[in-house]
Structure formats: structure tokens, C-alpha cells
Amino acid sequence: MTERIFNLFYFTQNDVIHELGVVVHELKGTDSGKMAFLQNSITKDFLGSRRFLIPRKYAGLTVDAFFALCRLGKHLEVYEEIFFELNAPFDPLCCVTPIVDGRPKIDVTTDHSPFLFSDHKEHPKFGIGEMSDYLEDYMTARWI
């Protein structure tokens, strides 16, 4: 069965997200195969993505604030209006990529659940040193 999948982008200027982008694909196959397709299509897709201004309630959203939403697993809320307009399924398969200075910037690949530092202990950007993660230390399992 064919599924609609979404390559999502956010475009930044001076560490502030000013625009969102989306490309919708229809694909058959496994979820891992579809995700690989989206990741392999990033360079082509971001150039031809349909652009949207960031929703008014997120005006001034910084890259750090977006990462805070990722930490809580709430970052896809920024794209809700786009999902609604494009009649996306309740839990769309998607890939989110930041576009910085006109180029994709990929630091880490993760799913859309809350971002926990312990899942990335060996990553050069996040895994340097041993530091406790407040989400893991203070949040209950139902929140993470």
C-alpha cells in the first residue's frame, strides 16, 4: 500500500527559524526504506520544497528553542498547520532537516520521540563527557 511521507525543513537566519518547507512523496515499502528514501532526497527536496511562513504562535522561534521542543518530543507541533493543510495522517512518517545558510545541516539522526542524551553517548556533538540529562533524571516515564 502506498503511504504519503513528508520531507520537512526549517530555514534559519541568524539562528531564528523564519520559514518551513515540505515535500510530500507517495511510496510503498517498509518504514525504514521510506525513511532512507527521505534522507537520500534531502538535497534535492529542500530546493524544491513548498514554503510556508512559520506559524504566528512560533514567530521568533530560535534553533535552540526548536531543540527544546525536540527534547520533549513536541517539535512536530510547529508543522501542524502544514499537516492539516496537506491532509496528513495522524502520525505521519517524516524527516525533519534544518537548512542553515542555504544548506542542509545534519548533526544527528533520531526518531521523533523525546531526545535523550543517553541515546547519543558516542556522538561528537552530544556525547562528550558524562553529564546527567535532566529529562532522564527528573521526568517520569509517561513524559519521556
C-alpha atoms as a PDB file:
ATOM      1  CA  MET A   1       0.000   0.000   0.000  1.00  0.00           C
ATOM      2  CA  THR A   2       1.243   3.494  -0.859  1.00  0.00           C
ATOM      3  CA  GLU A   3       1.814   5.920   2.019  1.00  0.00           C
ATOM      4  CA  ARG A   4       2.210   9.690   1.949  1.00  0.00           C
ATOM      5  CA  ILE A   5       5.526  10.588   3.583  1.00  0.00           C
ATOM      6  CA  PHE A   6       6.929  14.031   4.324  1.00  0.00           C
ATOM      7  CA  ASN A   7      10.339  15.647   3.995  1.00  0.00           C
ATOM      8  CA  LEU A   8      10.158  18.630   6.348  1.00  0.00           C
ATOM      9  CA  PHE A   9      12.582  21.517   6.544  1.00  0.00           C
ATOM     10  CA  TYR A  10      13.091  24.595   8.642  1.00  0.00           C
ATOM     11  CA  PHE A  11      15.015  27.548   7.265  1.00  0.00           C
ATOM     12  CA  THR A  12      17.052  29.753   9.577  1.00  0.00           C
ATOM     13  CA  GLN A  13      18.562  33.209   9.544  1.00  0.00           C
ATOM     14  CA  ASN A  14      20.744  34.241  12.481  1.00  0.00           C
ATOM     15  CA  ASP A  15      19.611  31.165  14.449  1.00  0.00           C
ATOM     16  CA  VAL A  16      15.916  32.106  14.096  1.00  0.00           C
ATOM     17  CA  ILE A  17      13.520  29.891  12.140  1.00  0.00           C
ATOM     18  CA  HIS A  18      11.704  32.069   9.637  1.00  0.00           C
ATOM     19  CA  GLU A  19      10.271  29.590   7.158  1.00  0.00           C
ATOM     20  CA  LEU A  20       9.200  25.949   6.896  1.00  0.00           C
ATOM     21  CA  GLY A  21       9.313  23.691   3.875  1.00  0.00           C
ATOM     22  CA  VAL A  22       7.711  20.414   2.875  1.00  0.00           C
ATOM     23  CA  VAL A  23       7.842  17.882   0.059  1.00  0.00           C
ATOM     24  CA  VAL A  24       5.292  15.073   0.023  1.00  0.00           C
ATOM     25  CA  HIS A  25       6.126  11.714  -1.533  1.00  0.00           C
ATOM     26  CA  GLU A  26       3.950   8.664  -2.042  1.00  0.00           C
ATOM     27  CA  LEU A  27       5.861   5.449  -1.556  1.00  0.00           C
ATOM     28  CA  LYS A  28       5.426   1.733  -0.934  1.00  0.00           C
ATOM     29  CA  GLY A  29       7.708  -0.338   1.238  1.00  0.00           C
ATOM     30  CA  THR A  30       8.889  -0.603   4.812  1.00  0.00           C
ATOM     31  CA  ASP A  31       9.128   2.343   7.192  1.00  0.00           C
ATOM     32  CA  SER A  32      12.918   2.016   7.244  1.00  0.00           C
ATOM     33  CA  GLY A  33      13.014   2.012   3.440  1.00  0.00           C
ATOM     34  CA  LYS A  34      10.778   5.071   3.290  1.00  0.00           C
ATOM     35  CA  MET A  35      12.930   6.891   5.837  1.00  0.00           C
ATOM     36  CA  ALA A  36      16.063   6.052   3.853  1.00  0.00           C
ATOM     37  CA  PHE A  37      14.345   7.441   0.753  1.00  0.00           C
ATOM     38  CA  LEU A  38      13.523  10.705   2.567  1.00  0.00           C
ATOM     39  CA  GLN A  39      17.075  11.051   3.887  1.00  0.00           C
ATOM     40  CA  ASN A  40      18.539  10.394   0.444  1.00  0.00           C
ATOM     41  CA  SER A  41      16.183  13.009  -1.053  1.00  0.00           C
ATOM     42  CA  ILE A  42      17.057  15.875   1.326  1.00  0.00           C
ATOM     43  CA  THR A  43      19.446  17.710  -1.010  1.00  0.00           C
ATOM     44  CA  LYS A  44      17.014  17.656  -3.924  1.00  0.00           C
ATOM     45  CA  ASP A  45      13.856  18.154  -1.881  1.00  0.00           C
ATOM     46  CA  PHE A  46      14.806  21.216   0.142  1.00  0.00           C
ATOM     47  CA  LEU A  47      15.485  23.175  -3.044  1.00  0.00           C
ATOM     48  CA  GLY A  48      12.023  22.434  -4.437  1.00  0.00           C
ATOM     49  CA  SER A  49      10.090  22.372  -1.188  1.00  0.00           C
ATOM     50  CA  ARG A  50       6.799  24.157  -0.802  1.00  0.00           C
ATOM     51  CA  ARG A  51       7.494  27.026   1.586  1.00  0.00           C
ATOM     52  CA  PHE A  52       5.395  28.297   4.461  1.00  0.00           C
ATOM     53  CA  LEU A  53       5.949  31.131   6.881  1.00  0.00           C
ATOM     54  CA  ILE A  54       6.415  29.868  10.404  1.00  0.00           C
ATOM     55  CA  PRO A  55       3.054  29.940  12.235  1.00  0.00           C
ATOM     56  CA  ARG A  56       2.386  33.166  14.122  1.00  0.00           C
ATOM     57  CA  LYS A  57       2.440  31.442  17.519  1.00  0.00           C
ATOM     58  CA  TYR A  58       6.022  30.318  16.779  1.00  0.00           C
ATOM     59  CA  ALA A  59       7.256  33.689  15.467  1.00  0.00           C
ATOM     60  CA  GLY A  60      10.807  34.266  16.662  1.00  0.00           C
ATOM     61  CA  LEU A  61      11.406  30.566  17.338  1.00  0.00           C
ATOM     62  CA  THR A  62      15.132  30.025  17.691  1.00  0.00           C
ATOM     63  CA  VAL A  63      17.034  26.901  16.749  1.00  0.00           C
ATOM     64  CA  ASP A  64      17.722  26.318  20.467  1.00  0.00           C
ATOM     65  CA  ALA A  65      14.009  26.632  21.287  1.00  0.00           C
ATOM     66  CA  PHE A  66      13.220  24.161  18.493  1.00  0.00           C
ATOM     67  CA  PHE A  67      15.746  21.758  20.000  1.00  0.00           C
ATOM     68  CA  ALA A  68      13.981  22.208  23.358  1.00  0.00           C
ATOM     69  CA  LEU A  69      10.776  21.087  21.619  1.00  0.00           C
ATOM     70  CA  CYS A  70      12.718  18.094  20.233  1.00  0.00           C
ATOM     71  CA  ARG A  71      13.848  17.260  23.750  1.00  0.00           C
ATOM     72  CA  LEU A  72      10.198  16.930  24.735  1.00  0.00           C
ATOM     73  CA  GLY A  73       9.092  15.206  21.519  1.00  0.00           C
ATOM     74  CA  LYS A  74       6.921  18.205  20.582  1.00  0.00           C
ATOM     75  CA  HIS A  75       8.805  19.623  17.589  1.00  0.00           C
ATOM     76  CA  LEU A  76       6.310  18.369  15.004  1.00  0.00           C
ATOM     77  CA  GLU A  77       3.729  20.731  16.520  1.00  0.00           C
ATOM     78  CA  VAL A  78       5.471  23.518  14.571  1.00  0.00           C
ATOM     79  CA  TYR A  79       4.302  21.764  11.374  1.00  0.00           C
ATOM     80  CA  GLU A  80       0.688  21.114  12.483  1.00  0.00           C
ATOM     81  CA  GLU A  81      -0.884  23.722  10.195  1.00  0.00           C
ATOM     82  CA  ILE A  82       1.021  22.288   7.237  1.00  0.00           C
ATOM     83  CA  PHE A  83      -0.039  18.749   8.126  1.00  0.00           C
ATOM     84  CA  PHE A  84      -3.648  19.934   8.356  1.00  0.00           C
ATOM     85  CA  GLU A  85      -3.477  21.741   5.013  1.00  0.00           C
ATOM     86  CA  LEU A  86      -1.936  18.708   3.319  1.00  0.00           C
ATOM     87  CA  ASN A  87      -4.364  16.277   4.957  1.00  0.00           C
ATOM     88  CA  ALA A  88      -1.534  14.294   6.552  1.00  0.00           C
ATOM     89  CA  PRO A  89      -2.318  11.180   8.584  1.00  0.00           C
ATOM     90  CA  PHE A  90      -2.410  11.448  12.388  1.00  0.00           C
ATOM     91  CA  ASP A  91       1.155  10.123  12.808  1.00  0.00           C
ATOM     92  CA  PRO A  92       2.940  10.974   9.544  1.00  0.00           C
ATOM     93  CA  LEU A  93       6.219   9.362   8.623  1.00  0.00           C
ATOM     94  CA  CYS A  94       8.567  12.297   8.183  1.00  0.00           C
ATOM     95  CA  CYS A  95      12.137  13.530   8.234  1.00  0.00           C
ATOM     96  CA  VAL A  96      12.992  16.997   9.626  1.00  0.00           C
ATOM     97  CA  THR A  97      16.125  18.777   8.402  1.00  0.00           C
ATOM     98  CA  PRO A  98      17.426  22.239   9.305  1.00  0.00           C
ATOM     99  CA  ILE A  99      18.580  24.464   6.452  1.00  0.00           C
ATOM    100  CA  VAL A 100      21.345  26.781   7.631  1.00  0.00           C
ATOM    101  CA  ASP A 101      22.933  29.322   5.295  1.00  0.00           C
ATOM    102  CA  GLY A 102      21.074  27.733   2.388  1.00  0.00           C
ATOM    103  CA  ARG A 103      22.395  24.207   3.019  1.00  0.00           C
ATOM    104  CA  PRO A 104      21.119  21.165   4.905  1.00  0.00           C
ATOM    105  CA  LYS A 105      22.807  20.770   8.291  1.00  0.00           C
ATOM    106  CA  ILE A 106      22.569  17.255   9.668  1.00  0.00           C
ATOM    107  CA  ASP A 107      24.058  16.731  13.114  1.00  0.00           C
ATOM    108  CA  VAL A 108      22.225  13.652  14.295  1.00  0.00           C
ATOM    109  CA  THR A 109      19.613  11.183  13.113  1.00  0.00           C
ATOM    110  CA  THR A 110      16.919  10.319  15.620  1.00  0.00           C
ATOM    111  CA  ASP A 111      13.251   9.454  15.784  1.00  0.00           C
ATOM    112  CA  HIS A 112      10.527  11.874  16.887  1.00  0.00           C
ATOM    113  CA  SER A 113      10.322  10.702  20.493  1.00  0.00           C
ATOM    114  CA  PRO A 114      11.829  12.918  23.220  1.00  0.00           C
ATOM    115  CA  PHE A 115      15.532  13.472  22.576  1.00  0.00           C
ATOM    116  CA  LEU A 116      17.580  11.897  25.361  1.00  0.00           C
ATOM    117  CA  PHE A 117      21.302  12.495  25.569  1.00  0.00           C
ATOM    118  CA  SER A 118      21.968   8.939  26.771  1.00  0.00           C
ATOM    119  CA  ASP A 119      20.813   7.697  23.356  1.00  0.00           C
ATOM    120  CA  HIS A 120      23.708   9.618  21.786  1.00  0.00           C
ATOM    121  CA  LYS A 121      26.612   8.977  24.166  1.00  0.00           C
ATOM    122  CA  GLU A 122      29.097   8.383  21.359  1.00  0.00           C
ATOM    123  CA  HIS A 123      28.013  11.338  19.200  1.00  0.00           C
ATOM    124  CA  PRO A 124      30.725  14.042  18.968  1.00  0.00           C
ATOM    125  CA  LYS A 125      28.229  16.877  19.444  1.00  0.00           C
ATOM    126  CA  PHE A 126      26.190  15.413  22.294  1.00  0.00           C
ATOM    127  CA  GLY A 127      28.204  12.579  23.801  1.00  0.00           C
ATOM    128  CA  ILE A 128      31.298  14.363  25.026  1.00  0.00           C
ATOM    129  CA  GLY A 129      31.814  13.787  28.733  1.00  0.00           C
ATOM    130  CA  GLU A 130      29.388  12.375  31.228  1.00  0.00           C
ATOM    131  CA  MET A 131      26.637  14.775  32.108  1.00  0.00           C
ATOM    132  CA  SER A 132      23.301  13.895  33.615  1.00  0.00           C
ATOM    133  CA  ASP A 133      20.243  14.551  31.496  1.00  0.00           C
ATOM    134  CA  TYR A 134      17.511  16.351  33.423  1.00  0.00           C
ATOM    135  CA  LEU A 135      14.801  14.661  31.338  1.00  0.00           C
ATOM    136  CA  GLU A 136      16.058  11.254  32.337  1.00  0.00           C
ATOM    137  CA  ASP A 137      16.765  12.268  35.939  1.00  0.00           C
ATOM    138  CA  TYR A 138      13.594  14.176  36.769  1.00  0.00           C
ATOM    139  CA  MET A 139      10.816  13.271  34.339  1.00  0.00           C
ATOM    140  CA  THR A 140       8.583  10.256  34.802  1.00  0.00           C
ATOM    141  CA  ALA A 141       8.353   7.539  32.171  1.00  0.00           C
ATOM    142  CA  ARG A 142       4.985   8.772  30.908  1.00  0.00           C
ATOM    143  CA  TRP A 143       6.615  12.064  29.835  1.00  0.00           C
ATOM    144  CA  ILE A 144       9.681  10.638  28.078  1.00  0.00           C
END
